[in-house]
């Protein structure tokens, strides 16, 4: 039976007991009825088999019958289990669901559904990964642009009118206030010398030469 590829006629499995798993036609590809004298019988009929648990025809590709609109009948087999993918094989072999009467207990598992739609799932996964990569690249580019905005631009600098006035006033103030104007926190640098130090005399001369300016601008050193 394993060598049979084509049946010119019908395949009927009816009213059996203790059949269990039917797997005797692993290479059967075609079942067809051409003679009009055959009546209205379907090409494949599997009915009223009390202990039939599975019907395995993995190579079946083409099923046809003249003078009937139903070419496959599989029903009234109380223990027959079948996965959705196996049922689809019968629909495809008969060239349409409308030509098939098929009753079975669905034994499809979650893993079977995943494997059945694995290409769709892989495409969805690839699309999600692509979106995540685009988001990551966008975040990196945005951070780099933000980082560049936080630093000063390359010279030459072009100041606005208000900024230019502020800068000019600061420069004028620095030029007006001579660096020899000693502030309170500069006192220890000037008067830290001892009287006998040679540098002390130079400091005295410097103070004397700028006495008028110092009196006008410096904080009282004795305060």
Protein backbone atom coordinates (compact mmCIF):
# COMPACT_ATOMS: atom_id res chain seq x y z
CA UNK A 1 0.00 0.00 0.00
CA UNK A 2 2.87 2.40 0.66
CA UNK A 3 3.80 2.36 -3.04
CA UNK A 4 0.35 3.41 -4.32
CA UNK A 5 0.27 6.94 -5.74
CA UNK A 6 -3.08 7.00 -7.57
CA UNK A 7 -6.48 5.37 -7.13
CA UNK A 8 -8.76 5.35 -10.18
CA UNK A 9 -11.99 4.98 -8.30
CA UNK A 10 -12.97 5.68 -4.72
CA UNK A 11 -11.40 5.16 -1.32
CA UNK A 12 -13.98 4.00 1.24
CA UNK A 13 -13.35 3.30 4.90
CA UNK A 14 -16.65 2.61 6.65
CA UNK A 15 -18.09 0.72 9.61
CA UNK A 16 -14.79 -0.48 11.10
CA UNK A 17 -13.64 -1.14 14.66
CA UNK A 18 -10.19 -1.16 16.25
CA UNK A 19 -8.75 0.72 13.29
CA UNK A 20 -6.87 3.28 15.36
CA UNK A 21 -4.41 5.28 13.30
CA UNK A 22 -4.85 4.96 9.54
CA UNK A 23 -1.49 5.61 7.86
CA UNK A 24 -1.30 3.00 5.11
CA UNK A 25 -1.15 5.33 2.08
CA UNK A 26 1.82 7.63 2.78
CA UNK A 27 2.47 8.27 -0.93
CA UNK A 28 -1.10 8.50 -2.23
CA UNK A 29 -1.40 11.68 -4.33
CA UNK A 30 -4.64 11.33 -6.30
CA UNK A 31 -8.06 9.75 -5.93
CA UNK A 32 -10.59 10.24 -8.74
CA UNK A 33 -13.77 8.82 -10.24
CA UNK A 34 -14.15 9.31 -13.99
CA UNK A 35 -16.96 6.85 -14.85
CA UNK A 36 -20.40 8.39 -14.90
CA UNK A 37 -21.85 4.96 -14.10
CA UNK A 38 -20.40 5.17 -10.60
CA UNK A 39 -23.43 7.12 -9.44
CA UNK A 40 -23.06 9.96 -6.98
CA UNK A 41 -20.45 8.44 -4.73
CA UNK A 42 -17.69 10.67 -3.38
CA UNK A 43 -14.09 9.88 -4.21
CA UNK A 44 -13.13 9.55 -0.53
CA UNK A 45 -15.62 8.36 2.06
CA UNK A 46 -14.60 7.76 5.68
CA UNK A 47 -17.66 7.25 7.87
CA UNK A 48 -18.86 5.41 11.00
CA UNK A 49 -15.49 4.18 12.22
CA UNK A 50 -15.84 4.00 15.99
CA UNK A 51 -12.16 3.79 16.96
CA UNK A 52 -10.50 5.63 14.09
CA UNK A 53 -8.21 8.17 15.80
CA UNK A 54 -6.32 9.65 12.85
CA UNK A 55 -6.42 9.66 9.06
CA UNK A 56 -2.97 10.35 7.63
CA UNK A 57 -2.67 11.02 3.89
CA UNK A 58 0.36 13.37 3.77
CA UNK A 59 0.87 13.31 -0.02
CA UNK A 60 -2.74 13.83 -1.14
CA UNK A 61 -2.92 16.56 -3.80
CA UNK A 62 -5.94 15.94 -6.05
CA UNK A 63 -9.40 14.47 -5.39
CA UNK A 64 -12.27 14.57 -7.90
CA UNK A 65 -15.49 12.77 -8.82
CA UNK A 66 -18.01 13.17 -11.62
CA UNK A 67 -21.76 13.44 -11.02
CA UNK A 68 -21.40 14.70 -7.45
CA UNK A 69 -20.76 18.00 -5.77
CA UNK A 70 -19.18 16.41 -2.70
CA UNK A 71 -15.93 14.62 -3.42
CA UNK A 72 -14.76 14.01 0.17
CA UNK A 73 -16.94 12.89 3.08
CA UNK A 74 -15.32 12.31 6.47
CA UNK A 75 -17.87 12.19 9.28
CA UNK A 76 -19.36 10.13 12.14
CA UNK A 77 -15.95 9.07 13.38
CA UNK A 78 -16.26 9.90 17.11
CA UNK A 79 -12.57 9.58 18.00
CA UNK A 80 -11.08 11.13 14.89
CA UNK A 81 -8.66 13.93 15.74
CA UNK A 82 -7.08 16.23 13.22
CA UNK A 83 -5.09 19.46 13.15
CA UNK A 84 -6.25 22.46 11.16
CA UNK A 85 -3.31 22.12 8.78
CA UNK A 86 -4.31 18.53 7.99
CA UNK A 87 -7.91 19.59 7.36
CA UNK A 88 -6.70 22.29 4.98
CA UNK A 89 -4.97 19.60 2.94
CA UNK A 90 -8.32 17.93 2.20
CA UNK A 91 -9.93 21.27 1.24
CA UNK A 92 -7.07 22.03 -1.12
CA UNK A 93 -7.09 18.54 -2.65
CA UNK A 94 -10.83 18.85 -3.38
CA UNK A 95 -10.26 22.37 -4.80
CA UNK A 96 -12.60 24.08 -2.36
CA UNK A 97 -14.34 23.75 1.00
CA UNK A 98 -17.72 23.48 -0.66
CA UNK A 99 -16.77 20.04 -2.01
CA UNK A 100 -15.86 18.59 1.39
CA UNK A 101 -17.86 17.36 4.39
CA UNK A 102 -15.38 17.11 7.23
CA UNK A 103 -16.10 16.39 10.89
CA UNK A 104 -13.22 16.01 13.35
CA UNK A 105 -11.96 16.93 16.79
CA UNK A 106 -9.52 19.79 16.52
CA UNK A 107 -6.17 18.78 18.06
CA UNK A 108 -4.31 21.92 17.03
CA UNK A 109 -2.02 23.27 19.77
CA UNK A 110 -0.68 26.77 20.32
CA UNK A 111 2.70 25.65 18.97
CA UNK A 112 1.02 24.36 15.82
CA UNK A 113 -0.59 27.77 15.26
CA UNK A 114 2.73 29.52 15.80
CA UNK A 115 4.48 27.24 13.32
CA UNK A 116 1.65 27.65 10.84
CA UNK A 117 2.00 31.42 10.84
CA UNK A 118 5.73 31.53 11.47
CA UNK A 119 6.50 33.58 8.36
CA UNK A 120 3.93 36.19 9.37
CA UNK A 121 5.30 36.26 12.91
CA UNK A 122 8.87 36.58 11.66
CA UNK A 123 7.85 39.47 9.41
CA UNK A 124 6.09 41.20 12.33
CA UNK A 125 9.12 40.65 14.57
CA UNK A 126 11.44 42.05 11.91
CA UNK A 127 9.18 45.10 11.52
CA UNK A 128 9.18 45.72 15.29
CA UNK A 129 12.98 45.41 15.48
CA UNK A 130 13.31 47.82 12.54
CA UNK A 131 11.08 50.36 14.32
CA UNK A 132 13.13 50.05 17.53
CA UNK A 133 16.36 50.59 15.58
CA UNK A 134 14.91 53.72 13.93
CA UNK A 135 13.82 55.07 17.33
CA UNK A 136 17.27 54.41 18.82
CA UNK A 137 19.01 56.14 15.91
CA UNK A 138 16.64 59.10 16.22
CA UNK A 139 17.37 59.44 19.95
CA UNK A 140 21.13 59.34 19.37
CA UNK A 141 20.95 62.00 16.65
CA UNK A 142 18.70 64.21 18.81
CA UNK A 143 21.08 63.95 21.77
CA UNK A 144 24.05 64.90 19.63
CA UNK A 145 22.22 67.94 18.26
CA UNK A 146 21.20 69.00 21.78
CA UNK A 147 24.76 68.56 23.02
CA UNK A 148 26.10 70.75 20.22
CA UNK A 149 23.58 73.46 21.07
CA UNK A 150 24.86 73.64 24.65
CA UNK A 151 28.38 74.74 23.64
CA UNK A 152 29.49 78.02 22.11
CA UNK A 153 29.45 78.27 18.32
CA UNK A 154 32.66 78.51 16.36
CA UNK A 155 34.10 82.05 15.94
CA UNK A 156 33.74 84.66 14.59
CA UNK A 157 30.93 85.56 16.97
CA UNK A 158 28.19 87.91 15.79
CA UNK A 159 26.65 89.80 18.70
CA UNK A 160 23.28 91.45 18.75
CA UNK A 161 22.96 95.17 19.48
CA UNK A 162 22.07 94.65 23.13
CA UNK A 163 24.84 92.10 23.71
CA UNK A 164 27.35 94.39 22.05
CA UNK A 165 26.40 97.30 24.37
CA UNK A 166 26.78 95.09 27.45
CA UNK A 167 30.20 93.87 26.31
CA UNK A 168 31.39 97.41 25.55
CA UNK A 169 30.31 98.64 28.98
CA UNK A 170 32.20 95.82 30.66
CA UNK A 171 35.36 96.58 28.70
CA UNK A 172 35.12 100.32 29.49
CA UNK A 173 34.66 99.56 33.19
CA UNK A 174 37.74 97.37 33.21
CA UNK A 175 39.80 100.03 31.43
CA UNK A 176 38.60 102.78 33.80
CA UNK A 177 39.34 100.76 36.92
CA UNK A 178 43.13 100.48 36.64
CA UNK A 179 44.53 97.12 37.73
CA UNK A 180 46.45 98.96 40.46
CA UNK A 181 43.18 99.49 42.34
CA UNK A 182 43.64 97.13 45.23
CA UNK A 183 40.55 95.61 46.69
CA UNK A 184 40.07 94.47 50.24
CA UNK A 185 41.03 90.87 49.40
CA UNK A 186 44.22 92.14 47.70
CA UNK A 187 45.50 93.79 50.89
CA UNK A 188 47.34 90.80 52.20
CA UNK A 189 49.22 90.45 48.92
CA UNK A 190 50.46 94.05 49.13
CA UNK A 191 51.04 94.50 52.85
CA UNK A 192 52.23 91.03 53.60
CA UNK A 193 55.83 92.18 53.16
CA UNK A 194 57.92 93.05 56.16
CA UNK A 195 59.43 96.53 56.40
CA UNK A 196 62.91 95.15 55.98
CA UNK A 197 61.99 93.33 52.73
CA UNK A 198 63.54 94.86 49.64
CA UNK A 199 60.21 94.55 47.80
CA UNK A 200 58.49 96.67 50.46
CA UNK A 201 60.27 99.80 49.28
CA UNK A 202 59.09 99.18 45.75
CA UNK A 203 55.55 98.88 47.00
CA UNK A 204 55.85 102.18 48.87
CA UNK A 205 57.11 103.90 45.75
CA UNK A 206 54.25 102.40 43.74
CA UNK A 207 51.70 103.62 46.30
CA UNK A 208 53.24 107.08 46.38
CA UNK A 209 53.19 107.44 42.63
CA UNK A 210 49.51 106.48 42.48
CA UNK A 211 48.36 108.15 45.70
CA UNK A 212 45.74 110.36 44.02
CA UNK A 213 44.18 107.44 42.10
CA UNK A 214 44.25 105.18 45.12
CA UNK A 215 42.59 107.75 47.35
CA UNK A 216 39.78 108.07 44.84
CA UNK A 217 39.16 104.39 44.11
CA UNK A 218 40.64 101.91 46.61
CA UNK A 219 38.93 100.68 49.74
CA UNK A 220 40.49 101.93 52.98
CA UNK A 221 43.33 99.54 53.70
CA UNK A 222 43.13 100.20 57.37
CA UNK A 223 39.48 99.27 57.66
